[in-house]
């Protein structure tokens, strides 16, 4: 049986936060989910991870599940939702 994806990312974010941050940086993604070389004028929203997340209904189901069921992840999950573009 495959591992629960929510459990996997929760554990990674809590236990290996520096590694998760490093992985994002190596992909050229800043902590605000924008690209390092991005400027506001040249931003193409559809190329950003936050745009892809905002277009995925399953992502919202998982995040809202975290808000309802996991006190440790409720704050970070809410901050992530605040960073996503409104669709």
C-alpha atoms as a PDB file:
ATOM      1  CA  UNK A   1       0.000   0.000   0.000  1.00  0.00           C
ATOM      2  CA  UNK A   2       1.479   3.402  -0.958  1.00  0.00           C
ATOM      3  CA  UNK A   3       2.189   5.863   1.854  1.00  0.00           C
ATOM      4  CA  UNK A   4      -0.325   8.594   2.578  1.00  0.00           C
ATOM      5  CA  UNK A   5       0.909  11.684   0.707  1.00  0.00           C
ATOM      6  CA  UNK A   6      -0.275  14.066   3.430  1.00  0.00           C
ATOM      7  CA  UNK A   7       1.635  12.100   6.059  1.00  0.00           C
ATOM      8  CA  UNK A   8       4.731  12.044   3.866  1.00  0.00           C
ATOM      9  CA  UNK A   9       4.816  15.810   3.339  1.00  0.00           C
ATOM     10  CA  UNK A  10       3.900  16.540   6.935  1.00  0.00           C
ATOM     11  CA  UNK A  11       6.803  14.437   8.136  1.00  0.00           C
ATOM     12  CA  UNK A  12       9.198  15.944   5.584  1.00  0.00           C
ATOM     13  CA  UNK A  13       8.165  19.524   6.417  1.00  0.00           C
ATOM     14  CA  UNK A  14       8.448  18.948  10.151  1.00  0.00           C
ATOM     15  CA  UNK A  15      11.493  16.680  10.284  1.00  0.00           C
ATOM     16  CA  UNK A  16      13.511  17.927   7.332  1.00  0.00           C
ATOM     17  CA  UNK A  17      12.501  21.554   6.827  1.00  0.00           C
ATOM     18  CA  UNK A  18      15.992  22.644   5.709  1.00  0.00           C
ATOM     19  CA  UNK A  19      16.041  19.891   3.071  1.00  0.00           C
ATOM     20  CA  UNK A  20      12.569  20.803   1.807  1.00  0.00           C
ATOM     21  CA  UNK A  21      13.624  24.476   1.593  1.00  0.00           C
ATOM     22  CA  UNK A  22      16.829  23.495  -0.168  1.00  0.00           C
ATOM     23  CA  UNK A  23      14.874  21.425  -2.687  1.00  0.00           C
ATOM     24  CA  UNK A  24      12.668  24.406  -3.497  1.00  0.00           C
ATOM     25  CA  UNK A  25      15.711  26.688  -3.838  1.00  0.00           C
ATOM     26  CA  UNK A  26      17.427  24.194  -6.168  1.00  0.00           C
ATOM     27  CA  UNK A  27      14.325  24.343  -8.363  1.00  0.00           C
ATOM     28  CA  UNK A  28      14.591  28.142  -8.434  1.00  0.00           C
ATOM     29  CA  UNK A  29      11.565  28.673  -6.190  1.00  0.00           C
ATOM     30  CA  UNK A  30      11.606  31.256  -3.403  1.00  0.00           C
ATOM     31  CA  UNK A  31       9.857  30.859  -0.052  1.00  0.00           C
ATOM     32  CA  UNK A  32       6.912  32.891  -1.409  1.00  0.00           C
ATOM     33  CA  UNK A  33       6.552  30.370  -4.256  1.00  0.00           C
ATOM     34  CA  UNK A  34       7.815  32.781  -6.888  1.00  0.00           C
ATOM     35  CA  UNK A  35      10.765  32.086  -9.150  1.00  0.00           C
ATOM     36  CA  UNK A  36      14.096  33.635  -8.106  1.00  0.00           C
ATOM     37  CA  UNK A  37      14.572  35.372 -11.440  1.00  0.00           C
ATOM     38  CA  UNK A  38      10.986  36.585 -11.600  1.00  0.00           C
ATOM     39  CA  UNK A  39      10.037  40.208 -11.523  1.00  0.00           C
ATOM     40  CA  UNK A  40       6.488  41.410 -11.170  1.00  0.00           C
ATOM     41  CA  UNK A  41       6.488  42.803 -14.707  1.00  0.00           C
ATOM     42  CA  UNK A  42       7.508  39.553 -16.395  1.00  0.00           C
ATOM     43  CA  UNK A  43       5.617  37.112 -14.205  1.00  0.00           C
ATOM     44  CA  UNK A  44       3.720  34.440 -16.092  1.00  0.00           C
ATOM     45  CA  UNK A  45       1.396  33.008 -13.452  1.00  0.00           C
ATOM     46  CA  UNK A  46       0.766  29.719 -15.250  1.00  0.00           C
ATOM     47  CA  UNK A  47       4.462  28.784 -14.937  1.00  0.00           C
ATOM     48  CA  UNK A  48       4.511  29.074 -11.156  1.00  0.00           C
ATOM     49  CA  UNK A  49       3.936  26.139  -8.800  1.00  0.00           C
ATOM     50  CA  UNK A  50       1.407  28.193  -6.838  1.00  0.00           C
ATOM     51  CA  UNK A  51      -0.695  28.600 -10.008  1.00  0.00           C
ATOM     52  CA  UNK A  52      -0.676  24.839 -10.635  1.00  0.00           C
ATOM     53  CA  UNK A  53      -1.675  24.233  -7.020  1.00  0.00           C
ATOM     54  CA  UNK A  54      -4.469  26.790  -7.193  1.00  0.00           C
ATOM     55  CA  UNK A  55      -5.928  25.006 -10.236  1.00  0.00           C
ATOM     56  CA  UNK A  56      -5.988  21.577  -8.557  1.00  0.00           C
ATOM     57  CA  UNK A  57      -9.218  20.766  -6.631  1.00  0.00           C
ATOM     58  CA  UNK A  58      -7.592  17.755  -4.933  1.00  0.00           C
ATOM     59  CA  UNK A  59      -4.903  20.051  -3.513  1.00  0.00           C
ATOM     60  CA  UNK A  60      -7.585  22.150  -1.817  1.00  0.00           C
ATOM     61  CA  UNK A  61      -9.247  19.030  -0.392  1.00  0.00           C
ATOM     62  CA  UNK A  62      -5.943  17.944   1.148  1.00  0.00           C
ATOM     63  CA  UNK A  63      -5.119  21.390   2.550  1.00  0.00           C
ATOM     64  CA  UNK A  64      -8.566  21.846   4.060  1.00  0.00           C
ATOM     65  CA  UNK A  65      -8.279  18.367   5.556  1.00  0.00           C
ATOM     66  CA  UNK A  66      -5.045  19.527   7.224  1.00  0.00           C
ATOM     67  CA  UNK A  67      -6.812  22.627   8.548  1.00  0.00           C
ATOM     68  CA  UNK A  68      -9.537  20.486  10.095  1.00  0.00           C
ATOM     69  CA  UNK A  69      -7.540  17.537  11.395  1.00  0.00           C
ATOM     70  CA  UNK A  70      -3.957  18.511  12.114  1.00  0.00           C
ATOM     71  CA  UNK A  71      -3.123  21.254  14.600  1.00  0.00           C
ATOM     72  CA  UNK A  72       0.604  21.211  13.708  1.00  0.00           C
ATOM     73  CA  UNK A  73      -0.099  21.858  10.037  1.00  0.00           C
ATOM     74  CA  UNK A  74      -3.108  24.170  10.339  1.00  0.00           C
ATOM     75  CA  UNK A  75      -0.994  27.364  10.570  1.00  0.00           C
ATOM     76  CA  UNK A  76       1.405  26.522   7.718  1.00  0.00           C
ATOM     77  CA  UNK A  77      -1.503  25.246   5.588  1.00  0.00           C
ATOM     78  CA  UNK A  78      -3.376  28.514   6.091  1.00  0.00           C
ATOM     79  CA  UNK A  79      -0.281  30.592   5.225  1.00  0.00           C
ATOM     80  CA  UNK A  80       0.099  28.533   2.035  1.00  0.00           C
ATOM     81  CA  UNK A  81      -3.511  29.217   1.084  1.00  0.00           C
ATOM     82  CA  UNK A  82      -2.940  32.940   1.626  1.00  0.00           C
ATOM     83  CA  UNK A  83      -0.096  32.891  -0.907  1.00  0.00           C
ATOM     84  CA  UNK A  84      -2.079  31.273  -3.700  1.00  0.00           C
ATOM     85  CA  UNK A  85      -3.676  33.350  -6.435  1.00  0.00           C
ATOM     86  CA  UNK A  86      -7.445  33.662  -6.352  1.00  0.00           C
ATOM     87  CA  UNK A  87      -8.980  31.701  -9.187  1.00  0.00           C
END
